PDB file of N, CA and C in Angstrom:
ATOM      1  N   MET A   1       0.727  -1.149   0.220  1.00  0.00           N
ATOM      2  CA  MET A   1      -0.068  -0.118  -0.193  1.00  0.00           C
ATOM      3  C   MET A   1       0.805   1.314  -0.160  1.00  0.00           C
ATOM      4  N   LYS A   2       0.540   2.353  -0.917  1.00  0.00           N
ATOM      5  CA  LYS A   2       1.279   3.464  -1.127  1.00  0.00           C
ATOM      6  C   LYS A   2       1.156   4.519   0.037  1.00  0.00           C
ATOM      7  N   ASP A   3       1.880   4.954   0.827  1.00  0.00           N
ATOM      8  CA  ASP A   3       1.691   6.037   1.633  1.00  0.00           C
ATOM      9  C   ASP A   3       1.224   7.370   1.127  1.00  0.00           C
ATOM     10  N   LEU A   4       0.550   8.094   2.073  1.00  0.00           N
ATOM     11  CA  LEU A   4      -0.146   9.512   1.534  1.00  0.00           C
ATOM     12  C   LEU A   4       0.758  10.186   0.741  1.00  0.00           C
ATOM     13  N   ARG A   5       1.870  10.437   1.226  1.00  0.00           N
ATOM     14  CA  ARG A   5       3.087  11.402   0.732  1.00  0.00           C
ATOM     15  C   ARG A   5       3.297  10.941  -0.677  1.00  0.00           C
ATOM     16  N   SER A   6       3.566   9.666  -0.793  1.00  0.00           N
ATOM     17  CA  SER A   6       3.871   9.452  -2.424  1.00  0.00           C
ATOM     18  C   SER A   6       2.322   9.657  -3.324  1.00  0.00           C
ATOM     19  N   THR A   7       1.445   9.547  -2.721  1.00  0.00           N
ATOM     20  CA  THR A   7       0.301   9.503  -3.393  1.00  0.00           C
ATOM     21  C   THR A   7       0.039  11.093  -3.912  1.00  0.00           C
ATOM     22  N   ILE A   8       0.231  11.999  -2.835  1.00  0.00           N
ATOM     23  CA  ILE A   8       0.172  13.412  -3.059  1.00  0.00           C
ATOM     24  C   ILE A   8       1.092  13.925  -4.038  1.00  0.00           C
ATOM     25  N   GLU A   9       2.274  13.393  -3.787  1.00  0.00           N
ATOM     26  CA  GLU A   9       3.382  13.753  -4.869  1.00  0.00           C
ATOM     27  C   GLU A   9       3.257  13.386  -6.191  1.00  0.00           C
ATOM     28  N   GLU A  10       2.666  12.089  -6.490  1.00  0.00           N
ATOM     29  CA  GLU A  10       2.119  11.962  -8.039  1.00  0.00           C
ATOM     30  C   GLU A  10       1.035  12.570  -8.455  1.00  0.00           C
ATOM     31  N   ILE A  11       0.183  12.992  -7.429  1.00  0.00           N
ATOM     32  CA  ILE A  11      -0.961  13.822  -8.133  1.00  0.00           C
ATOM     33  C   ILE A  11      -0.188  15.334  -8.447  1.00  0.00           C
ATOM     34  N   ALA A  12       0.617  15.910  -7.555  1.00  0.00           N
ATOM     35  CA  ALA A  12       1.241  17.023  -7.822  1.00  0.00           C
ATOM     36  C   ALA A  12       1.903  17.171  -9.133  1.00  0.00           C
ATOM     37  N   HIS A  13       2.670  15.850  -9.501  1.00  0.00           N
ATOM     38  CA  HIS A  13       3.303  16.013 -10.956  1.00  0.00           C
ATOM     39  C   HIS A  13       2.640  15.088 -11.793  1.00  0.00           C
ATOM     40  N   ALA A  14       1.381  15.158 -11.760  1.00  0.00           N
ATOM     41  CA  ALA A  14       0.498  14.306 -12.737  1.00  0.00           C
ATOM     42  C   ALA A  14       0.271  15.471 -13.980  1.00  0.00           C
ATOM     43  N   LYS A  15       0.392  14.828 -15.215  1.00  0.00           N
ATOM     44  CA  LYS A  15      -0.028  15.640 -16.377  1.00  0.00           C
ATOM     45  C   LYS A  15      -1.355  15.470 -16.609  1.00  0.00           C
ATOM     46  N   PRO A  16      -1.795  16.727 -17.367  1.00  0.00           N
ATOM     47  CA  PRO A  16      -3.336  16.743 -17.494  1.00  0.00           C
ATOM     48  C   PRO A  16      -4.007  15.417 -18.100  1.00  0.00           C
ATOM     49  N   ASP A  17      -3.578  14.836 -18.852  1.00  0.00           N
ATOM     50  CA  ASP A  17      -4.036  13.477 -19.533  1.00  0.00           C
ATOM     51  C   ASP A  17      -4.091  12.684 -18.405  1.00  0.00           C
ATOM     52  N   GLN A  18      -3.547  12.577 -17.540  1.00  0.00           N
ATOM     53  CA  GLN A  18      -3.391  11.498 -16.571  1.00  0.00           C
ATOM     54  C   GLN A  18      -4.513  12.018 -15.510  1.00  0.00           C
ATOM     55  N   LEU A  19      -5.020  13.251 -15.216  1.00  0.00           N
ATOM     56  CA  LEU A  19      -5.764  13.592 -14.399  1.00  0.00           C
ATOM     57  C   LEU A  19      -7.091  13.618 -15.033  1.00  0.00           C
ATOM     58  N   ARG A  20      -7.417  13.651 -16.488  1.00  0.00           N
ATOM     59  CA  ARG A  20      -8.396  13.549 -17.342  1.00  0.00           C
ATOM     60  C   ARG A  20      -9.652  12.881 -16.597  1.00  0.00           C
ATOM     61  N   ASP A  21      -9.430  11.235 -16.504  1.00  0.00           N
ATOM     62  CA  ASP A  21     -10.525  10.578 -15.932  1.00  0.00           C
ATOM     63  C   ASP A  21     -10.966  10.957 -14.607  1.00  0.00           C
ATOM     64  N   GLY A  22     -10.247  11.168 -13.750  1.00  0.00           N
ATOM     65  CA  GLY A  22     -10.525  11.705 -12.390  1.00  0.00           C
ATOM     66  C   GLY A  22     -11.436  12.833 -12.368  1.00  0.00           C
ATOM     67  N   TYR A  23     -10.987  13.997 -13.010  1.00  0.00           N
ATOM     68  CA  TYR A  23     -11.931  15.104 -13.165  1.00  0.00           C
ATOM     69  C   TYR A  23     -13.107  14.650 -13.904  1.00  0.00           C
ATOM     70  N   LEU A  24     -13.341  13.913 -14.748  1.00  0.00           N
ATOM     71  CA  LEU A  24     -14.689  13.641 -15.516  1.00  0.00           C
ATOM     72  C   LEU A  24     -15.476  12.945 -14.693  1.00  0.00           C
ATOM     73  N   ASN A  25     -14.700  12.060 -14.041  1.00  0.00           N
ATOM     74  CA  ASN A  25     -15.600  11.222 -13.083  1.00  0.00           C
ATOM     75  C   ASN A  25     -15.963  11.950 -11.900  1.00  0.00           C
ATOM     76  N   ARG A  26     -15.475  12.888 -11.382  1.00  0.00           N
ATOM     77  CA  ARG A  26     -15.914  13.866 -10.332  1.00  0.00           C
ATOM     78  C   ARG A  26     -17.001  14.697 -10.816  1.00  0.00           C
ATOM     79  N   LEU A  27     -17.037  15.046 -12.010  1.00  0.00           N
ATOM     80  CA  LEU A  27     -18.031  15.836 -12.708  1.00  0.00           C
ATOM     81  C   LEU A  27     -19.435  15.121 -12.877  1.00  0.00           C
ATOM     82  N   ARG A  28     -19.133  13.718 -13.505  1.00  0.00           N
ATOM     83  CA  ARG A  28     -20.262  12.701 -13.467  1.00  0.00           C
ATOM     84  C   ARG A  28     -20.952  12.514 -11.986  1.00  0.00           C
ATOM     85  N   ARG A  29     -19.981  12.449 -11.379  1.00  0.00           N
ATOM     86  CA  ARG A  29     -20.669  12.204  -9.665  1.00  0.00           C
ATOM     87  C   ARG A  29     -21.442  13.034  -9.309  1.00  0.00           C
ATOM     88  N   LEU A  30     -20.948  14.345  -9.323  1.00  0.00           N
ATOM     89  CA  LEU A  30     -21.361  15.456  -8.796  1.00  0.00           C
ATOM     90  C   LEU A  30     -23.092  15.761  -9.340  1.00  0.00           C
ATOM     91  N   LEU A  31     -22.825  15.454 -10.841  1.00  0.00           N
ATOM     92  CA  LEU A  31     -24.190  15.382 -11.600  1.00  0.00           C
ATOM     93  C   LEU A  31     -25.344  14.463 -10.948  1.00  0.00           C
ATOM     94  N   ARG A  32     -24.583  13.296 -10.605  1.00  0.00           N
ATOM     95  CA  ARG A  32     -25.578  12.002 -10.390  1.00  0.00           C
ATOM     96  C   ARG A  32     -26.261  12.234  -9.064  1.00  0.00           C
ATOM     97  N   LEU A  33     -25.321  12.852  -8.059  1.00  0.00           N
ATOM     98  CA  LEU A  33     -25.681  13.300  -6.841  1.00  0.00           C
ATOM     99  C   LEU A  33     -27.021  14.380  -7.108  1.00  0.00           C
ATOM    100  N   ARG A  34     -26.670  15.318  -7.865  1.00  0.00           N
ATOM    101  CA  ARG A  34     -27.859  16.356  -7.831  1.00  0.00           C
ATOM    102  C   ARG A  34     -29.021  15.861  -8.399  1.00  0.00           C
ATOM    103  N   ARG A  35     -28.954  14.678  -9.323  1.00  0.00           N
ATOM    104  CA  ARG A  35     -30.137  14.097 -10.005  1.00  0.00           C
ATOM    105  C   ARG A  35     -30.559  13.377  -8.916  1.00  0.00           C
ATOM    106  N   ASP A  36     -29.947  12.648  -8.187  1.00  0.00           N
ATOM    107  CA  ASP A  36     -30.527  11.532  -7.356  1.00  0.00           C
ATOM    108  C   ASP A  36     -31.181  12.143  -6.209  1.00  0.00           C
ATOM    109  N   HIS A  37     -30.533  13.265  -5.594  1.00  0.00           N
ATOM    110  CA  HIS A  37     -31.127  14.017  -4.321  1.00  0.00           C
ATOM    111  C   HIS A  37     -31.540  15.130  -4.643  1.00  0.00           C
ATOM    112  N   PHE A  38     -32.136  15.505  -5.900  1.00  0.00           N
ATOM    113  CA  PHE A  38     -32.725  16.861  -6.162  1.00  0.00           C
ATOM    114  C   PHE A  38     -33.920  17.140  -5.190  1.00  0.00           C
ATOM    115  N   GLU A  39     -34.830  16.364  -4.949  1.00  0.00           N
ATOM    116  CA  GLU A  39     -35.908  16.384  -4.081  1.00  0.00           C
ATOM    117  C   GLU A  39     -35.622  16.720  -2.457  1.00  0.00           C
ATOM    118  N   GLU A  40     -34.516  15.991  -2.281  1.00  0.00           N
ATOM    119  CA  GLU A  40     -34.312  16.208  -0.919  1.00  0.00           C
ATOM    120  C   GLU A  40     -33.398  17.564  -0.532  1.00  0.00           C
ATOM    121  N   LEU A  41     -33.137  18.060  -1.482  1.00  0.00           N
ATOM    122  CA  LEU A  41     -32.058  19.173  -1.186  1.00  0.00           C
ATOM    123  C   LEU A  41     -32.948  20.657  -1.048  1.00  0.00           C
ATOM    124  N   ASN A  42     -32.309  21.302  -0.192  1.00  0.00           N
ATOM    125  CA  ASN A  42     -33.167  22.731   0.056  1.00  0.00           C
ATOM    126  C   ASN A  42     -32.199  23.626  -1.230  1.00  0.00           C
ATOM    127  N   GLU A  43     -32.715  24.856  -0.852  1.00  0.00           N
ATOM    128  CA  GLU A  43     -32.031  25.935  -1.966  1.00  0.00           C
ATOM    129  C   GLU A  43     -30.436  25.922  -1.730  1.00  0.00           C
ATOM    130  N   GLN A  44     -30.118  26.181  -0.417  1.00  0.00           N
ATOM    131  CA  GLN A  44     -28.651  26.330  -0.300  1.00  0.00           C
ATOM    132  C   GLN A  44     -28.080  24.883  -0.630  1.00  0.00           C
ATOM    133  N   GLY A  45     -28.579  23.716  -0.346  1.00  0.00           N
ATOM    134  CA  GLY A  45     -27.841  22.630  -0.870  1.00  0.00           C
ATOM    135  C   GLY A  45     -27.582  22.314  -2.351  1.00  0.00           C
ATOM    136  N   LEU A  46     -28.825  22.947  -3.136  1.00  0.00           N
ATOM    137  CA  LEU A  46     -28.389  22.903  -4.300  1.00  0.00           C
ATOM    138  C   LEU A  46     -27.599  23.900  -4.929  1.00  0.00           C
ATOM    139  N   ARG A  47     -27.550  24.964  -4.416  1.00  0.00           N
ATOM    140  CA  ARG A  47     -26.537  26.217  -4.757  1.00  0.00           C
ATOM    141  C   ARG A  47     -25.094  25.731  -4.495  1.00  0.00           C
ATOM    142  N   LEU A  48     -24.818  25.061  -3.376  1.00  0.00           N
ATOM    143  CA  LEU A  48     -23.643  24.413  -2.977  1.00  0.00           C
ATOM    144  C   LEU A  48     -23.303  23.264  -3.901  1.00  0.00           C
ATOM    145  N   LEU A  49     -24.144  22.494  -4.213  1.00  0.00           N
ATOM    146  CA  LEU A  49     -23.999  21.396  -5.245  1.00  0.00           C
ATOM    147  C   LEU A  49     -23.709  21.950  -6.779  1.00  0.00           C
ATOM    148  N   ASP A  50     -24.388  23.150  -6.906  1.00  0.00           N
ATOM    149  CA  ASP A  50     -24.175  23.631  -8.422  1.00  0.00           C
ATOM    150  C   ASP A  50     -22.854  24.127  -8.489  1.00  0.00           C
ATOM    151  N   ARG A  51     -22.387  24.786  -7.352  1.00  0.00           N
ATOM    152  CA  ARG A  51     -21.036  25.419  -7.212  1.00  0.00           C
ATOM    153  C   ARG A  51     -19.840  24.392  -7.503  1.00  0.00           C
ATOM    154  N   SER A  52     -20.124  23.353  -6.845  1.00  0.00           N
ATOM    155  CA  SER A  52     -19.031  22.263  -7.165  1.00  0.00           C
ATOM    156  C   SER A  52     -19.094  21.615  -8.363  1.00  0.00           C
ATOM    157  N   ILE A  53     -20.352  21.518  -9.094  1.00  0.00           N
ATOM    158  CA  ILE A  53     -20.396  21.231 -10.509  1.00  0.00           C
ATOM    159  C   ILE A  53     -19.656  22.000 -11.310  1.00  0.00           C
ATOM    160  N   PHE A  54     -19.961  23.434 -11.118  1.00  0.00           N
ATOM    161  CA  PHE A  54     -19.079  24.409 -11.950  1.00  0.00           C
ATOM    162  C   PHE A  54     -17.786  24.522 -11.796  1.00  0.00           C
ATOM    163  N   ALA A  55     -17.161  24.162 -10.376  1.00  0.00           N
ATOM    164  CA  ALA A  55     -15.902  24.124 -10.333  1.00  0.00           C
ATOM    165  C   ALA A  55     -15.027  22.880 -10.959  1.00  0.00           C
ATOM    166  N   ALA A  56     -15.822  21.581 -10.913  1.00  0.00           N
ATOM    167  CA  ALA A  56     -15.431  20.403 -11.442  1.00  0.00           C
ATOM    168  C   ALA A  56     -15.324  20.797 -13.013  1.00  0.00           C
ATOM    169  N   TYR A  57     -16.141  21.223 -13.703  1.00  0.00           N
ATOM    170  CA  TYR A  57     -16.293  21.721 -14.761  1.00  0.00           C
ATOM    171  C   TYR A  57     -15.061  22.628 -15.342  1.00  0.00           C
ATOM    172  N   CYS A  58     -14.906  23.553 -14.661  1.00  0.00           N
ATOM    173  CA  CYS A  58     -13.617  24.604 -14.624  1.00  0.00           C
ATOM    174  C   CYS A  58     -12.418  23.877 -14.610  1.00  0.00           C
ATOM    175  N   ASP A  59     -12.357  22.802 -13.529  1.00  0.00           N
ATOM    176  CA  ASP A  59     -10.817  22.207 -13.570  1.00  0.00           C
ATOM    177  C   ASP A  59     -10.852  21.263 -14.949  1.00  0.00           C
ATOM    178  N   CYS A  60     -11.989  20.594 -15.487  1.00  0.00           N
ATOM    179  CA  CYS A  60     -11.972  20.029 -16.815  1.00  0.00           C
ATOM    180  C   CYS A  60     -11.426  20.991 -17.814  1.00  0.00           C
ATOM    181  N   ILE A  61     -11.678  22.374 -17.658  1.00  0.00           N
ATOM    182  CA  ILE A  61     -11.512  23.062 -18.839  1.00  0.00           C
ATOM    183  C   ILE A  61      -9.887  23.435 -18.925  1.00  0.00           C
ATOM    184  N   ASP A  62      -9.452  23.492 -17.459  1.00  0.00           N
ATOM    185  CA  ASP A  62      -8.142  23.778 -17.299  1.00  0.00           C
ATOM    186  C   ASP A  62      -7.125  22.987 -17.676  1.00  0.00           C
ATOM    187  N   ILE A  63      -7.459  21.567 -17.649  1.00  0.00           N
ATOM    188  CA  ILE A  63      -6.593  20.582 -18.261  1.00  0.00           C
ATOM    189  C   ILE A  63      -7.041  20.463 -19.660  1.00  0.00           C
ATOM    190  N   GLY A  64      -7.819  21.182 -20.450  1.00  0.00           N
ATOM    191  CA  GLY A  64      -7.841  21.007 -21.761  1.00  0.00           C
ATOM    192  C   GLY A  64      -8.846  19.885 -22.096  1.00  0.00           C
ATOM    193  N   GLN A  65      -9.840  19.655 -21.126  1.00  0.00           N
ATOM    194  CA  GLN A  65     -10.850  18.668 -21.521  1.00  0.00           C
ATOM    195  C   GLN A  65     -12.268  19.445 -21.554  1.00  0.00           C
ATOM    196  N   GLY A  66     -12.445  20.407 -21.940  1.00  0.00           N
ATOM    197  CA  GLY A  66     -13.545  21.161 -22.057  1.00  0.00           C
ATOM    198  C   GLY A  66     -14.616  20.529 -22.849  1.00  0.00           C
ATOM    199  N   ASP A  67     -14.420  20.194 -24.051  1.00  0.00           N
ATOM    200  CA  ASP A  67     -15.381  19.335 -24.989  1.00  0.00           C
ATOM    201  C   ASP A  67     -15.887  18.015 -24.231  1.00  0.00           C
ATOM    202  N   ALA A  68     -14.984  17.344 -23.653  1.00  0.00           N
ATOM    203  CA  ALA A  68     -15.441  16.102 -22.967  1.00  0.00           C
ATOM    204  C   ALA A  68     -16.245  16.357 -21.823  1.00  0.00           C
ATOM    205  N   ALA A  69     -15.987  17.523 -20.994  1.00  0.00           N
ATOM    206  CA  ALA A  69     -16.973  18.166 -19.916  1.00  0.00           C
ATOM    207  C   ALA A  69     -18.271  18.608 -20.450  1.00  0.00           C
ATOM    208  N   LYS A  70     -18.293  19.308 -21.460  1.00  0.00           N
ATOM    209  CA  LYS A  70     -19.576  19.560 -22.071  1.00  0.00           C
ATOM    210  C   LYS A  70     -20.366  18.287 -22.708  1.00  0.00           C
ATOM    211  N   SER A  71     -19.677  17.278 -22.777  1.00  0.00           N
ATOM    212  CA  SER A  71     -20.265  16.013 -23.288  1.00  0.00           C
ATOM    213  C   SER A  71     -20.967  15.335 -22.016  1.00  0.00           C
ATOM    214  N   VAL A  72     -20.415  15.576 -20.964  1.00  0.00           N
ATOM    215  CA  VAL A  72     -20.716  14.921 -19.738  1.00  0.00           C
ATOM    216  C   VAL A  72     -22.312  15.592 -19.456  1.00  0.00           C
ATOM    217  N   LEU A  73     -21.955  16.917 -19.500  1.00  0.00           N
ATOM    218  CA  LEU A  73     -22.902  18.018 -19.013  1.00  0.00           C
ATOM    219  C   LEU A  73     -24.515  17.611 -20.008  1.00  0.00           C
ATOM    220  N   LYS A  74     -23.993  17.489 -21.161  1.00  0.00           N
ATOM    221  CA  LYS A  74     -25.183  17.206 -22.220  1.00  0.00           C
ATOM    222  C   LYS A  74     -25.761  15.724 -21.937  1.00  0.00           C
ATOM    223  N   ASP A  75     -25.293  14.850 -21.107  1.00  0.00           N
ATOM    224  CA  ASP A  75     -25.813  13.454 -20.909  1.00  0.00           C
ATOM    225  C   ASP A  75     -27.211  13.564 -20.244  1.00  0.00           C
ATOM    226  N   VAL A  76     -28.126  13.397 -21.091  1.00  0.00           N
ATOM    227  CA  VAL A  76     -29.491  13.285 -20.332  1.00  0.00           C
ATOM    228  C   VAL A  76     -29.724  12.511 -19.064  1.00  0.00           C
ATOM    229  N   ARG A  77     -29.173  11.250 -18.836  1.00  0.00           N
ATOM    230  CA  ARG A  77     -29.207  10.517 -17.781  1.00  0.00           C
ATOM    231  C   ARG A  77     -28.511  11.287 -16.675  1.00  0.00           C
ATOM    232  N   LEU A  78     -27.529  12.020 -16.392  1.00  0.00           N
ATOM    233  CA  LEU A  78     -26.830  12.624 -15.447  1.00  0.00           C
ATOM    234  C   LEU A  78     -27.637  13.858 -15.328  1.00  0.00           C
ATOM    235  N   THR A  79     -28.251  14.606 -16.190  1.00  0.00           N
ATOM    236  CA  THR A  79     -28.808  16.015 -15.944  1.00  0.00           C
ATOM    237  C   THR A  79     -30.263  16.065 -15.866  1.00  0.00           C
ATOM    238  N   LEU A  80     -31.145  14.961 -16.011  1.00  0.00           N
ATOM    239  CA  LEU A  80     -32.294  15.002 -16.122  1.00  0.00           C
ATOM    240  C   LEU A  80     -32.962  15.971 -15.032  1.00  0.00           C
ATOM    241  N   SER A  81     -32.472  16.104 -13.808  1.00  0.00           N
ATOM    242  CA  SER A  81     -33.235  16.807 -12.498  1.00  0.00           C
ATOM    243  C   SER A  81     -32.732  18.535 -12.869  1.00  0.00           C
ATOM    244  N   LEU A  82     -31.768  18.766 -13.913  1.00  0.00           N
ATOM    245  CA  LEU A  82     -31.370  20.244 -14.039  1.00  0.00           C
ATOM    246  C   LEU A  82     -32.607  20.778 -14.745  1.00  0.00           C
ATOM    247  N   THR A  83     -33.322  20.049 -15.683  1.00  0.00           N
ATOM    248  CA  THR A  83     -34.425  20.737 -16.258  1.00  0.00           C
ATOM    249  C   THR A  83     -35.617  21.024 -15.481  1.00  0.00           C
ATOM    250  N   ARG A  84     -35.677  20.113 -14.205  1.00  0.00           N
ATOM    251  CA  ARG A  84     -36.844  20.308 -13.208  1.00  0.00           C
ATOM    252  C   ARG A  84     -36.504  21.424 -12.382  1.00  0.00           C
ATOM    253  N   ALA A  85     -35.184  21.914 -12.392  1.00  0.00           N
ATOM    254  CA  ALA A  85     -34.729  22.820 -11.236  1.00  0.00           C
ATOM    255  C   ALA A  85     -35.236  24.081 -11.672  1.00  0.00           C
ATOM    256  N   SER A  86     -35.582  24.508 -12.769  1.00  0.00           N
ATOM    257  CA  SER A  86     -36.041  25.723 -13.280  1.00  0.00           C
ATOM    258  C   SER A  86     -37.623  25.747 -12.807  1.00  0.00           C
ATOM    259  N   SER A  87     -38.193  24.611 -12.856  1.00  0.00           N
ATOM    260  CA  SER A  87     -39.494  24.849 -12.414  1.00  0.00           C
ATOM    261  C   SER A  87     -40.138  24.844 -10.854  1.00  0.00           C
ATOM    262  N   ARG A  88     -38.887  24.738 -10.352  1.00  0.00           N
ATOM    263  CA  ARG A  88     -38.908  24.813  -8.777  1.00  0.00           C
ATOM    264  C   ARG A  88     -39.146  26.281  -8.208  1.00  0.00           C
TER     265      ARG A  88
END
């Protein structure tokens, strides 16, 4: 098992293409959380989650994966509740 220091060191020196899957998976996970828990969250919870989604999207753009991030955002299975949010 790796120790935490070596893991942090690897992340700090990772190239953007090595971070791609992690960043895109985080964006997918946040969108799933929003979709699956939309009805349970109050306005503040939704705002916090939306800011996290935006930050994850910006991280993808920063590593040159903007098109892949846009594709994730367009995935209807992940963003179903986003359209319901406007009716709230």
